[in-house]
Protein backbone atom coordinates (compact mmCIF):
# COMPACT_ATOMS: atom_id res chain seq x y z
CA MET A 1 79.15 156.57 121.56
CA ALA A 2 80.14 155.18 124.95
CA VAL A 3 79.77 151.37 125.15
CA ARG A 4 80.15 149.70 128.53
CA ARG A 5 78.36 146.34 127.97
CA VAL A 6 77.57 144.35 124.89
CA ALA A 7 75.20 141.24 124.88
CA LEU A 8 75.17 138.45 122.14
CA LEU A 9 72.60 136.07 121.31
CA THR A 10 71.93 133.31 118.80
CA ALA A 11 68.27 132.47 117.69
CA GLY A 12 66.11 130.04 115.52
CA GLY A 13 67.46 126.98 113.97
CA PHE A 14 71.22 126.20 114.04
CA ALA A 15 73.52 126.99 111.16
CA PRO A 16 77.02 126.27 110.77
CA CYS A 17 78.24 129.74 111.60
CA LEU A 18 76.75 130.32 115.21
CA SER A 19 79.67 129.10 117.18
CA SER A 20 82.34 130.91 114.93
CA ALA A 21 80.32 134.09 114.81
CA VAL A 22 80.24 134.15 118.55
CA GLY A 23 83.89 133.50 118.73
CA GLY A 24 84.49 136.21 116.03
CA LEU A 25 82.69 138.76 117.97
CA ILE A 26 84.33 138.18 121.15
CA GLU A 27 87.88 138.24 119.41
CA ARG A 28 87.27 141.36 117.67
CA TYR A 29 85.89 143.21 120.91
CA SER A 30 89.12 141.79 122.88
CA GLU A 31 91.13 143.28 120.19
CA ILE A 32 89.61 146.91 119.69
CA ALA A 33 87.81 147.36 122.84
CA PRO A 34 89.21 144.97 125.59
CA ASP A 35 87.33 147.20 128.37
CA VAL A 36 84.02 146.45 127.03
CA GLU A 37 82.03 144.03 129.07
CA ILE A 38 80.51 140.94 127.07
CA ILE A 39 77.61 138.75 128.07
CA ALA A 40 75.82 136.10 126.08
CA TYR A 41 72.23 135.47 126.58
CA LYS A 42 71.43 131.73 127.00
CA HIS A 43 69.07 130.03 124.50
CA GLY A 44 68.63 133.41 122.46
CA TYR A 45 65.38 135.40 123.44
CA GLN A 46 64.47 132.84 126.00
CA GLY A 47 67.62 133.80 127.95
CA LEU A 48 67.05 137.57 127.44
CA LEU A 49 63.38 137.36 128.98
CA ALA A 50 64.62 135.25 131.90
CA GLY A 51 67.78 137.35 132.58
CA ASP A 52 69.88 134.18 132.02
CA TYR A 53 73.17 134.88 130.71
CA ILE A 54 77.04 133.78 130.59
CA THR A 55 79.81 136.44 131.42
CA VAL A 56 82.44 136.38 128.98
CA ASP A 57 85.52 136.37 131.22
CA ALA A 58 89.18 136.58 130.43
CA LYS A 59 89.66 132.87 129.86
CA VAL A 60 86.73 132.99 127.25
CA ARG A 61 88.28 135.89 125.55
CA GLU A 62 91.71 134.09 125.52
CA LYS A 63 90.27 130.92 124.21
CA ALA A 64 87.59 132.39 121.69
CA HIS A 65 89.62 130.95 118.70
CA LEU A 66 88.30 127.42 119.82
CA LEU A 67 84.87 128.38 118.96
CA HIS A 68 85.71 128.23 115.22
CA LYS A 69 86.27 124.70 115.29
CA TYR A 70 82.85 123.66 116.40
CA GLY A 71 79.28 123.62 115.08
CA GLY A 72 76.00 124.33 116.96
CA SER A 73 76.08 127.41 119.36
CA PRO A 74 77.91 127.37 122.77
CA ILE A 75 75.29 129.97 124.19
CA GLY A 76 72.26 127.88 122.87
CA ASN A 77 69.35 128.66 120.64
CA SER A 78 65.58 128.54 120.90
CA ARG A 79 62.66 129.36 118.74
CA VAL A 80 60.98 132.30 120.73
CA LYS A 81 58.85 134.81 119.01
CA LEU A 82 58.49 138.12 121.05
CA THR A 83 55.19 138.99 119.52
CA ASN A 84 53.56 135.64 120.49
CA ALA A 85 52.48 136.57 123.75
CA LYS A 86 50.19 133.70 124.25
CA ASP A 87 53.06 131.15 123.50
CA LEU A 88 55.37 133.19 125.91
CA VAL A 89 52.91 133.03 128.67
CA LYS A 90 52.35 129.43 128.17
CA ARG A 91 55.93 128.73 128.29
CA GLY A 92 56.40 130.85 131.58
CA LEU A 93 58.57 133.47 130.02
CA VAL A 94 56.49 136.58 130.68
CA PRO A 95 53.56 137.07 133.08
CA GLU A 96 49.97 137.28 131.62
CA GLY A 97 48.88 140.59 130.45
CA VAL A 98 52.52 141.95 130.02
CA ASP A 99 53.87 143.13 126.54
CA PRO A 100 56.71 141.01 125.78
CA LEU A 101 58.53 143.61 123.95
CA GLN A 102 58.31 146.00 127.05
CA PHE A 103 59.17 142.84 129.31
CA ALA A 104 62.42 142.19 127.07
CA ALA A 105 63.24 146.11 126.88
CA GLU A 106 63.13 146.37 130.69
CA ARG A 107 65.47 143.30 131.05
CA LEU A 108 67.94 144.98 128.58
CA THR A 109 68.08 148.03 130.78
CA GLU A 110 68.25 146.38 133.99
CA ASP A 111 71.38 144.24 132.32
CA GLY A 112 72.93 147.62 131.22
CA VAL A 113 73.09 146.50 127.60
CA ASP A 114 74.36 149.21 125.32
CA VAL A 115 74.79 146.94 122.24
CA LEU A 116 72.93 143.75 121.32
CA HIS A 117 74.43 141.57 118.69
CA THR A 118 71.66 139.03 117.10
CA ILE A 119 72.93 136.23 115.13
CA GLY A 120 69.91 134.68 113.42
CA GLY A 121 67.48 135.01 110.56
CA ASP A 122 65.05 137.72 109.55
CA ASP A 123 62.74 137.26 112.44
CA THR A 124 65.76 137.35 115.15
CA ASN A 125 67.07 140.52 113.55
CA THR A 126 63.72 142.55 112.92
CA THR A 127 62.53 141.68 116.36
CA ALA A 128 65.86 143.13 117.73
CA ALA A 129 65.01 146.31 115.69
CA ASP A 130 61.58 146.45 117.25
CA LEU A 131 63.25 146.14 120.76
CA ALA A 132 65.75 148.89 119.95
CA ALA A 133 62.97 151.22 118.67
CA HIS A 134 60.90 150.51 121.80
CA LEU A 135 63.82 151.32 124.16
CA GLU A 136 64.46 154.57 122.36
CA LYS A 137 61.08 155.71 123.31
CA THR A 138 61.91 154.91 126.98
CA GLY A 139 65.14 156.89 126.93
CA HIS A 140 67.46 153.88 126.79
CA HIS A 141 69.47 153.94 123.56
CA LEU A 142 70.40 150.52 122.29
CA VAL A 143 72.42 149.77 119.31
CA VAL A 144 71.35 146.45 117.62
CA VAL A 145 73.85 145.12 114.97
CA GLY A 146 72.65 141.52 113.58
CA LEU A 147 74.47 138.86 111.68
CA PRO A 148 72.57 136.82 108.96
CA LYS A 149 72.23 133.22 109.70
CA THR A 150 70.20 130.71 107.75
CA ILE A 151 71.05 127.68 105.86
CA ASP A 152 68.45 128.36 103.25
CA ASN A 153 70.35 131.58 101.98
CA ASP A 154 66.81 133.17 102.07
CA ILE A 155 67.18 136.66 103.69
CA VAL A 156 66.57 139.80 101.52
CA PRO A 157 68.55 141.67 100.48
CA ILE A 158 71.54 139.58 101.55
CA ARG A 159 73.50 137.73 98.79
CA GLN A 160 75.07 134.90 101.08
CA SER A 161 73.95 134.22 104.43
CA LEU A 162 76.26 132.72 107.01
CA GLY A 163 76.42 129.13 107.31
CA ALA A 164 74.65 128.29 104.01
CA MET A 165 77.81 127.27 102.07
CA THR A 166 78.71 124.96 104.72
CA ALA A 167 75.25 123.31 104.95
CA ALA A 168 75.26 122.56 101.30
CA GLU A 169 78.66 121.04 101.52
CA GLN A 170 77.63 118.94 104.40
CA ALA A 171 74.30 117.86 102.60
CA ALA A 172 76.57 116.68 99.79
CA LYS A 173 78.69 114.68 102.23
CA PHE A 174 75.75 113.07 103.81
CA ALA A 175 74.47 112.10 100.36
CA GLU A 176 77.67 110.31 99.39
CA ASN A 177 76.89 107.53 102.05
CA VAL A 178 73.04 107.48 101.65
CA VAL A 179 73.14 107.18 97.83
CA ALA A 180 75.81 104.32 98.28
CA GLU A 181 72.70 102.53 99.28
CA HIS A 182 70.99 102.30 96.04
CA ASN A 183 71.90 98.67 95.27
CA SER A 184 71.23 97.39 98.81
CA GLY A 185 68.17 96.09 97.13
CA SER A 186 66.83 96.10 93.64
CA ARG A 187 64.71 99.09 92.07
CA MET A 188 65.59 101.17 95.05
CA LEU A 189 64.13 104.54 95.39
CA ILE A 190 66.12 107.07 97.56
CA VAL A 191 64.65 110.32 98.63
CA HIS A 192 67.24 112.76 100.20
CA GLU A 193 65.36 115.38 102.11
CA VAL A 194 66.97 118.50 102.46
CA MET A 195 65.93 121.52 104.75
CA GLY A 196 64.29 124.57 103.02
CA ARG A 197 60.79 125.59 103.93
CA ASN A 198 60.12 128.20 101.32
CA CYS A 199 63.50 128.45 99.45
CA GLY A 200 65.12 125.71 97.35
CA TRP A 201 68.67 127.26 97.44
CA LEU A 202 70.03 124.62 99.87
CA THR A 203 68.60 121.68 98.02
CA ALA A 204 69.93 122.87 94.70
CA ALA A 205 73.37 123.81 95.97
CA ALA A 206 73.74 120.33 97.79
CA ALA A 207 72.89 118.70 94.63
CA ARG A 208 75.49 120.80 92.77
CA ASP A 209 78.08 120.05 95.24
CA TYR A 210 77.24 116.42 95.57
CA ARG A 211 77.45 116.06 91.62
CA ALA A 212 80.88 117.92 91.74
CA TRP A 213 81.98 115.13 94.03
CA LEU A 214 80.87 112.67 91.40
CA ASP A 215 82.86 114.55 88.69
CA GLU A 216 86.07 113.71 90.78
CA GLN A 217 85.53 110.03 91.30
CA GLU A 218 86.77 107.16 88.93
CA TRP A 219 84.06 104.65 88.06
CA LEU A 220 84.22 101.13 87.13
CA PRO A 221 80.73 100.08 85.46
CA GLU A 222 82.13 96.63 84.59
CA ILE A 223 81.60 95.62 88.06
CA GLY A 224 78.45 97.58 88.69
CA LEU A 225 80.33 100.88 89.98
CA SER A 226 78.41 103.26 87.86
CA ARG A 227 78.07 107.12 87.89
CA GLU A 228 74.52 106.89 86.33
CA ALA A 229 73.51 104.85 89.44
CA TRP A 230 75.24 107.20 91.81
CA ASP A 231 73.81 110.34 90.15
CA VAL A 232 70.76 112.63 91.19
CA HIS A 233 67.95 111.90 88.90
CA GLY A 234 65.51 114.69 90.19
CA VAL A 235 65.83 117.87 92.07
CA TYR A 236 62.59 119.33 93.57
CA VAL A 237 62.48 122.82 95.14
CA PRO A 238 59.45 125.00 96.33
CA GLU A 239 59.88 127.65 93.62
CA ILE A 240 59.01 125.11 90.77
CA GLU A 241 55.84 123.39 90.63
CA ILE A 242 56.11 119.32 90.78
CA HIS A 243 54.05 117.45 88.14
CA ILE A 244 54.30 114.02 89.74
CA ALA A 245 52.71 112.35 86.83
CA ASP A 246 55.16 113.62 84.28
CA GLU A 247 58.20 113.18 86.68
CA ALA A 248 56.98 109.69 87.56
CA GLU A 249 56.94 108.62 83.83
CA ARG A 250 60.37 110.00 83.32
CA LEU A 251 61.81 108.55 86.46
CA LYS A 252 60.35 105.06 85.67
CA LYS A 253 62.55 105.00 82.45
CA VAL A 254 65.52 105.84 84.81
CA MET A 255 64.48 102.95 87.18
CA ASP A 256 64.14 100.46 84.13
CA THR A 257 67.38 101.42 82.50
CA VAL A 258 69.83 102.22 85.62
CA GLY A 259 68.04 100.17 88.38
CA ASN A 260 67.53 102.67 91.03
CA VAL A 261 66.37 106.30 91.45
CA THR A 262 67.83 109.12 93.69
CA ILE A 263 65.86 112.54 94.22
CA PHE A 264 66.82 115.51 96.24
CA LEU A 265 63.82 117.06 97.68
CA SER A 266 63.55 120.40 99.50
CA GLU A 267 61.30 119.75 102.51
CA GLY A 268 59.17 122.73 101.36
CA ALA A 269 58.50 121.47 97.88
CA GLY A 270 54.84 120.59 97.38
CA VAL A 271 54.06 121.24 101.12
CA SER A 272 51.02 123.32 100.28
CA ASP A 273 49.54 120.06 98.39
CA ILE A 274 50.15 118.14 101.46
CA VAL A 275 48.59 120.64 103.90
CA ASP A 276 45.54 120.98 101.50
CA LEU A 277 44.94 117.31 101.48
CA MET A 278 45.15 117.06 105.32
CA GLU A 279 42.75 119.89 105.73
CA ARG A 280 40.31 118.28 103.24
CA ASN A 281 40.67 115.15 105.45
CA GLY A 282 39.77 117.03 108.47
CA GLU A 283 43.22 116.47 109.95
CA GLU A 284 44.98 119.17 112.21
CA VAL A 285 48.02 120.76 110.58
CA PRO A 286 50.77 120.91 113.17
CA ARG A 287 52.47 124.52 113.53
CA ASP A 288 54.99 126.19 115.45
CA ALA A 289 55.03 129.36 117.61
CA PHE A 290 55.64 131.30 114.34
CA GLY A 291 52.75 129.74 112.59
CA HIS A 292 55.02 127.53 110.38
CA VAL A 293 54.06 124.12 109.66
CA ARG A 294 56.01 121.59 111.60
CA LEU A 295 57.60 120.00 108.39
CA ASN A 296 59.12 117.08 110.58
CA GLU A 297 55.62 116.01 111.70
CA ILE A 298 53.99 116.12 108.22
CA ASN A 299 57.10 114.38 106.80
CA PRO A 300 57.32 115.61 102.99
CA GLY A 301 59.99 113.05 102.20
CA ALA A 302 57.74 110.15 103.18
CA TRP A 303 54.76 111.55 101.36
CA PHE A 304 56.63 112.07 98.08
CA GLY A 305 58.37 108.73 98.43
CA LYS A 306 54.88 107.16 98.62
CA GLN A 307 53.65 109.12 95.58
CA PHE A 308 56.52 107.91 93.44
CA ALA A 309 57.21 104.58 94.72
CA GLU A 310 54.21 102.76 93.06
CA LYS A 311 54.35 104.74 89.93
CA LEU A 312 58.17 103.59 89.48
CA GLY A 313 57.76 100.11 90.60
CA ALA A 314 60.12 100.62 93.38
CA GLU A 315 60.76 97.68 95.55
CA LYS A 316 62.16 99.66 98.48
CA VAL A 317 61.94 103.21 99.50
CA LEU A 318 64.74 104.85 101.52
CA VAL A 319 63.99 108.47 102.87
CA GLN A 320 66.93 110.26 104.53
CA LYS A 321 66.97 113.73 106.04
CA SER A 322 70.20 115.70 106.02
CA GLY A 323 69.18 118.68 107.88
CA TYR A 324 70.39 118.32 111.41
CA PHE A 325 73.74 116.64 110.15
CA SER A 326 74.27 119.79 108.08
CA ARG A 327 73.03 122.66 110.19
CA SER A 328 75.13 121.47 113.15
CA ALA A 329 78.64 121.27 111.40
CA PRO A 330 81.46 123.60 111.88
CA ALA A 331 81.95 126.30 109.45
CA ASN A 332 83.95 125.40 106.45
CA GLU A 333 86.79 127.81 104.89
CA ALA A 334 84.40 129.79 102.81
CA ASP A 335 82.16 130.46 105.61
CA LEU A 336 84.77 131.11 108.10
CA GLU A 337 86.30 133.76 105.77
CA LEU A 338 82.85 135.42 105.37
CA ILE A 339 82.22 135.21 109.14
CA ALA A 340 85.64 137.01 109.83
CA LYS A 341 84.57 139.93 107.41
CA MET A 342 81.21 140.17 108.85
CA THR A 343 82.00 140.03 112.59
CA THR A 344 84.83 142.61 112.17
CA MET A 345 82.21 144.94 110.55
CA ALA A 346 79.53 144.26 113.18
CA VAL A 347 81.83 145.22 115.96
CA ASP A 348 83.25 148.32 114.28
CA SER A 349 79.69 149.51 113.40
CA ALA A 350 78.52 148.98 116.83
CA LEU A 351 80.92 150.96 118.55
CA GLU A 352 80.32 153.66 115.89
CA GLY A 353 76.45 153.46 116.91
CA THR A 354 75.48 152.22 113.40
CA PRO A 355 72.64 149.72 113.58
CA GLY A 356 71.33 147.01 111.08
CA VAL A 357 72.26 143.71 109.62
CA VAL A 358 75.73 143.12 108.17
CA GLY A 359 75.78 141.44 104.71
CA ASN A 360 76.41 141.77 101.08
CA ASP A 361 73.71 144.16 99.72
CA GLU A 362 72.38 142.75 96.62
CA ASP A 363 70.56 145.98 95.70
CA ARG A 364 73.86 147.95 95.91
CA GLY A 365 76.31 145.69 93.92
CA ASP A 366 76.84 143.16 96.59
CA GLU A 367 78.69 145.70 98.72
CA LEU A 368 79.48 144.52 102.37
CA ARG A 369 77.67 147.01 104.49
CA VAL A 370 75.38 147.40 107.54
CA ILE A 371 72.05 147.07 105.93
CA GLU A 372 68.99 149.02 107.15
CA PHE A 373 66.43 147.02 109.30
CA ASP A 374 63.39 147.96 107.39
CA ARG A 375 64.88 146.45 104.28
CA ILE A 376 65.43 143.01 105.96
CA ALA A 377 62.76 140.38 104.98
CA GLY A 378 62.67 136.44 104.80
CA HIS A 379 61.67 134.05 102.35
CA LYS A 380 63.78 135.12 99.53
CA PRO A 381 63.03 132.66 96.86
CA PHE A 382 65.76 130.56 95.16
CA ASP A 383 66.54 132.24 91.72
CA TYR A 384 66.17 129.07 89.54
CA HIS A 385 67.24 130.97 86.43
CA GLN A 386 70.77 130.86 87.40
CA GLN A 387 72.72 129.05 84.61
CA TRP A 388 74.33 126.55 86.92
CA PHE A 389 70.97 125.25 87.97
CA VAL A 390 69.47 125.39 84.36
CA ASP A 391 72.52 123.23 83.17
CA MET A 392 72.23 120.76 86.23
CA LEU A 393 68.67 119.99 85.38
CA ALA A 394 69.41 119.62 81.67
CA GLU A 395 72.17 117.20 82.48
CA ILE A 396 69.92 114.96 84.49
CA GLY A 397 67.02 115.26 82.08
CA GLN A 398 64.72 116.84 84.25
CA GLY A 399 61.96 118.87 82.40
CA TRP A 400 60.50 122.10 83.22
CA PRO A 401 56.71 122.62 83.96
CA GLU A 402 54.96 124.72 81.19
CA GLY A 403 55.79 128.50 81.73
CA GLN A 404 58.61 127.99 84.36
CA HIS A 405 61.43 127.35 82.05
CA PRO A 406 64.01 130.14 82.36
CA GLY A 407 64.34 130.54 78.50
CA GLY A 408 60.65 130.76 78.17
CA GLN A 409 60.46 127.36 76.47
């Protein structure tokens, strides 16, 4: 197909791949289709609706490699849901009574966009597919090729989303300093709250990476430099039920023996319990434009810290959140390698006219391919049956709720 103009956008929450993915797309187009114009909508779908974009000029093409060194997104993100007309009207992005999909489609037509690259999660990419279908009906052929971004690694059926590996590594690095606080007072309870609304992959991977760092250190317990004190003593993810009373009993023994307790908590773990309690108390549950509970406002880490503190006899509770530290980091080597493969395929597929989301397809032997939009979904649960996770919980002495042990015990 003839491609004259390509548009890029990044959307949703940040992940440590956005800047590099933008750079990779620009580099690939400059390499194999230098005559194709490239624009980048500012702040995702917000910029698309407003017609606010950056033109990728010769200098940006020449210096695109610099984007691999940075985190965040040079073109900006926002949480805009094109099917939430009420929110869009409130924000002044579309007029009252106008179909936002039609409004966005007309903007893409006015801007002369032939290919749209979306870098985001399932909402970002499936919304782009809806846009393409809408445009097709009006006679404007638009090819949408998405890249999978989420630190939770929770996109179906994609084995590894961009940015997740870096986010886990950065959360572990964050923990190195936070856990050093364990003896800033006696009987310290540390809650490391990790991002992950519905999927515990990031929390589990961060604990795994942090404990791998512990394995590399030399310890001196004679002066109090003890691996046991620096270790993770509990890992809680949304996929596994948390029995607070049972865990508190176990962790109190750790507190009495080791002198401190550290837990890694996925922000989505136990949220249903918190929401139920708020609703029973007549409190309003804060939600965003997508209907998601605003986790930063209900503060799961503080809630769990309070539940455990009294039961453990903790004298001090420290709750620290690694999410923003992790999600805005530059991509690590493993992610850079994956980004390079995916951006190359994304550009090549776009020029061939093949739409979809690039990823390693779990249903097809992890083949890297352009996956059909109708197979893309969010909220893929963390597979807690993986042996490395089972082994980690066994090593830290954490039990399994009845009926959830992967071995059926």
